[in-house]
Amino acid sequence: MPNLWTKATQIIYEAFKGPRTVDIEFNGKYEEIKLMVLQIKNISQTIKSFPQKLMGFRDLCTEIYQHLIKPYPNDSIYYPQINAIISAHKEMINCYQECSNVLGNLSGATAEWQKIFAEVKANLKKREEARKIHDHYDQKMENLINNKYKKMQNKEEETEEEIKKFDRVSKF
């Protein structure tokens, strides 16, 4: 595991030059997943607020129904219109029940999606950490190879410490 200094060096390197290992296809899929997570979050928030709003609409319709049924008896000339409102109210209550059932099912599905996306996010985090470690050692190995090549060109001997360091890093 890299120490604090090498980890900070890698973060600075990536901030200015970007990661050494770039997987364009993976990055595209990652962006798609981020968009899907945002959409599922929006759906979930809408589902959570919808029952309250739907109950408010149901209560409003019930209140209108109750206020209209009292002053207009069956023998009133307005009764056909009131009867249409009563029928619409009954239909609206049935739709409310059906909508509540569908919302319950959809709420369960979005909760499952959120659970799956949480697992995906955790796996992506693990992948990113492994990529950073790989990039760190890849950069370190590249520096050691360049140093070894320069020493060979200048016909200099490597120190025992440099040989050990090269062996240690190359085993990663």
Protein backbone atom coordinates (compact mmCIF):
# COMPACT_ATOMS: atom_id res chain seq x y z
CA MET A 1 0.00 0.00 0.00
CA PRO A 2 1.49 3.38 -0.96
CA ASN A 3 2.44 5.70 1.87
CA LEU A 4 0.91 9.16 2.37
CA TRP A 5 3.59 10.95 0.34
CA THR A 6 3.29 8.69 -2.73
CA LYS A 7 -0.49 8.77 -2.51
CA ALA A 8 -0.44 12.58 -2.42
CA THR A 9 2.00 12.60 -5.36
CA GLN A 10 -0.36 10.38 -7.35
CA ILE A 11 -3.36 12.59 -6.58
CA ILE A 12 -1.45 15.68 -7.71
CA TYR A 13 -0.26 13.86 -10.84
CA GLU A 14 -3.81 12.81 -11.74
CA ALA A 15 -5.20 16.29 -11.04
CA PHE A 16 -2.91 17.84 -13.63
CA LYS A 17 -2.27 15.08 -16.15
CA GLY A 18 -5.16 12.71 -15.61
CA PRO A 19 -4.96 8.99 -14.85
CA ARG A 20 -2.31 6.94 -16.63
CA THR A 21 -4.74 4.11 -17.34
CA VAL A 22 -7.73 5.32 -19.33
CA ASP A 23 -10.59 3.03 -20.31
CA ILE A 24 -12.83 5.08 -22.61
CA GLU A 25 -15.52 2.40 -22.85
CA PHE A 26 -15.61 1.95 -19.07
CA ASN A 27 -15.71 5.72 -18.49
CA GLY A 28 -18.68 5.99 -20.88
CA LYS A 29 -20.54 3.24 -19.04
CA TYR A 30 -19.69 4.87 -15.73
CA GLU A 31 -21.29 8.14 -16.93
CA GLU A 32 -24.40 6.18 -18.03
CA ILE A 33 -24.65 4.63 -14.56
CA LYS A 34 -24.31 8.03 -12.87
CA LEU A 35 -27.18 9.33 -15.05
CA MET A 36 -29.32 6.28 -14.22
CA VAL A 37 -28.65 6.73 -10.49
CA LEU A 38 -29.78 10.36 -10.73
CA GLN A 39 -32.94 9.35 -12.62
CA ILE A 40 -33.79 6.63 -10.08
CA LYS A 41 -33.24 9.14 -7.26
CA ASN A 42 -35.66 11.56 -8.97
CA ILE A 43 -38.25 8.80 -9.46
CA SER A 44 -37.90 7.79 -5.83
CA GLN A 45 -38.40 11.36 -4.59
CA THR A 46 -41.47 11.76 -6.80
CA ILE A 47 -42.93 8.48 -5.56
CA LYS A 48 -42.39 9.54 -1.95
CA SER A 49 -44.21 12.86 -2.43
CA PHE A 50 -46.93 11.53 -4.73
CA PRO A 51 -49.15 9.77 -2.13
CA GLN A 52 -49.42 12.93 -0.04
CA LYS A 53 -50.35 15.00 -3.08
CA LEU A 54 -52.74 12.31 -4.27
CA MET A 55 -54.42 12.16 -0.85
CA GLY A 56 -54.79 15.93 -0.95
CA PHE A 57 -56.54 15.69 -4.32
CA ARG A 58 -58.72 12.82 -3.07
CA ASP A 59 -59.69 14.83 0.03
CA LEU A 60 -60.51 17.87 -2.13
CA CYS A 61 -62.76 15.79 -4.36
CA THR A 62 -64.45 14.23 -1.32
CA GLU A 63 -65.05 17.67 0.15
CA ILE A 64 -66.59 18.92 -3.11
CA TYR A 65 -68.74 15.78 -3.28
CA GLN A 66 -69.96 16.23 0.31
CA HIS A 67 -70.78 19.90 -0.24
CA LEU A 68 -72.66 19.24 -3.45
CA ILE A 69 -74.71 16.24 -2.29
CA LYS A 70 -76.26 18.04 0.68
CA PRO A 71 -78.03 20.99 -0.98
CA TYR A 72 -79.23 19.12 -4.07
CA PRO A 73 -81.66 16.29 -3.28
CA ASN A 74 -82.67 13.62 -5.77
CA ASP A 75 -85.64 15.67 -7.01
CA SER A 76 -83.54 18.77 -7.81
CA ILE A 77 -83.17 19.88 -11.44
CA TYR A 78 -79.40 19.89 -10.86
CA TYR A 79 -79.37 16.28 -9.73
CA PRO A 80 -78.20 14.86 -13.13
CA GLN A 81 -75.09 17.07 -12.97
CA ILE A 82 -74.59 16.22 -9.29
CA ASN A 83 -75.04 12.52 -10.12
CA ALA A 84 -72.31 12.89 -12.80
CA ILE A 85 -70.05 14.41 -10.14
CA ILE A 86 -70.89 11.57 -7.73
CA SER A 87 -70.04 9.00 -10.43
CA ALA A 88 -66.80 10.83 -11.24
CA HIS A 89 -65.95 10.88 -7.52
CA LYS A 90 -66.49 7.12 -7.20
CA GLU A 91 -64.33 6.55 -10.29
CA MET A 92 -61.66 8.85 -8.87
CA ILE A 93 -61.60 6.87 -5.59
CA ASN A 94 -61.15 3.63 -7.56
CA CYS A 95 -58.33 5.24 -9.59
CA TYR A 96 -56.76 6.46 -6.35
CA GLN A 97 -56.72 2.91 -4.96
CA GLU A 98 -55.27 1.50 -8.19
CA CYS A 99 -52.67 4.26 -8.38
CA SER A 100 -51.68 3.64 -4.74
CA ASN A 101 -51.14 -0.06 -5.51
CA VAL A 102 -49.03 0.71 -8.58
CA LEU A 103 -46.99 3.26 -6.61
CA GLY A 104 -46.34 0.69 -3.89
CA ASN A 105 -44.98 -1.75 -6.49
CA LEU A 106 -42.90 0.95 -8.16
CA SER A 107 -41.56 2.09 -4.81
CA GLY A 108 -40.37 -1.45 -4.09
CA ALA A 109 -38.69 -1.62 -7.51
CA THR A 110 -36.89 1.71 -7.05
CA ALA A 111 -35.68 0.60 -3.62
CA GLU A 112 -34.24 -2.53 -5.26
CA TRP A 113 -32.62 -0.41 -7.99
CA GLN A 114 -31.08 1.86 -5.39
CA LYS A 115 -29.68 -1.19 -3.57
CA ILE A 116 -28.18 -2.51 -6.81
CA PHE A 117 -26.68 0.89 -7.65
CA ALA A 118 -25.17 1.12 -4.16
CA GLU A 119 -23.42 -2.20 -4.81
CA VAL A 120 -22.27 -1.00 -8.24
CA LYS A 121 -20.98 2.22 -6.71
CA ALA A 122 -19.00 0.27 -4.09
CA ASN A 123 -17.49 -1.94 -6.80
CA LEU A 124 -16.60 1.11 -8.90
CA LYS A 125 -14.89 2.66 -5.90
CA LYS A 126 -12.84 -0.52 -5.40
CA ARG A 127 -11.92 -0.51 -9.10
CA GLU A 128 -10.87 3.13 -8.95
CA GLU A 129 -8.68 2.49 -5.90
CA ALA A 130 -7.04 -0.47 -7.64
CA ARG A 131 -6.51 1.63 -10.78
CA LYS A 132 -4.82 4.39 -8.77
CA ILE A 133 -2.52 1.88 -7.08
CA HIS A 134 -1.72 0.34 -10.46
CA ASP A 135 -1.02 3.78 -11.95
CA HIS A 136 1.21 4.63 -9.00
CA TYR A 137 3.33 1.51 -9.40
CA ASP A 138 3.27 1.81 -13.18
CA GLN A 139 4.67 5.33 -12.91
CA LYS A 140 7.21 4.21 -10.32
CA MET A 141 8.33 1.33 -12.56
CA GLU A 142 8.60 3.66 -15.55
CA ASN A 143 10.83 6.00 -13.53
CA LEU A 144 13.02 3.11 -12.40
CA ILE A 145 13.38 1.78 -15.96
CA ASN A 146 14.27 5.26 -17.22
CA ASN A 147 16.83 5.62 -14.43
CA LYS A 148 18.28 2.18 -15.24
CA TYR A 149 18.47 3.08 -18.95
CA LYS A 150 20.25 6.38 -18.21
CA LYS A 151 22.76 4.61 -15.99
CA MET A 152 23.41 2.08 -18.78
CA GLN A 153 23.91 4.87 -21.32
CA ASN A 154 26.31 6.69 -19.02
CA LYS A 155 28.01 3.38 -18.19
CA GLU A 156 27.38 3.88 -14.51
CA GLU A 157 26.86 1.08 -12.05
CA GLU A 158 23.56 0.77 -10.25
CA THR A 159 23.71 0.88 -6.51
CA GLU A 160 22.57 -2.12 -4.54
CA GLU A 161 19.71 -0.02 -3.17
CA GLU A 162 18.52 0.81 -6.73
CA ILE A 163 18.66 -2.87 -7.70
CA LYS A 164 16.64 -3.88 -4.64
CA LYS A 165 14.10 -1.13 -5.27
CA PHE A 166 13.72 -2.22 -8.90
CA ASP A 167 13.24 -5.86 -7.84
CA ARG A 168 10.70 -4.90 -5.18
CA VAL A 169 8.61 -2.70 -7.48
CA SER A 170 8.80 -5.07 -10.45
CA LYS A 171 7.20 -7.85 -8.36
CA PHE A 172 3.98 -5.85 -8.09
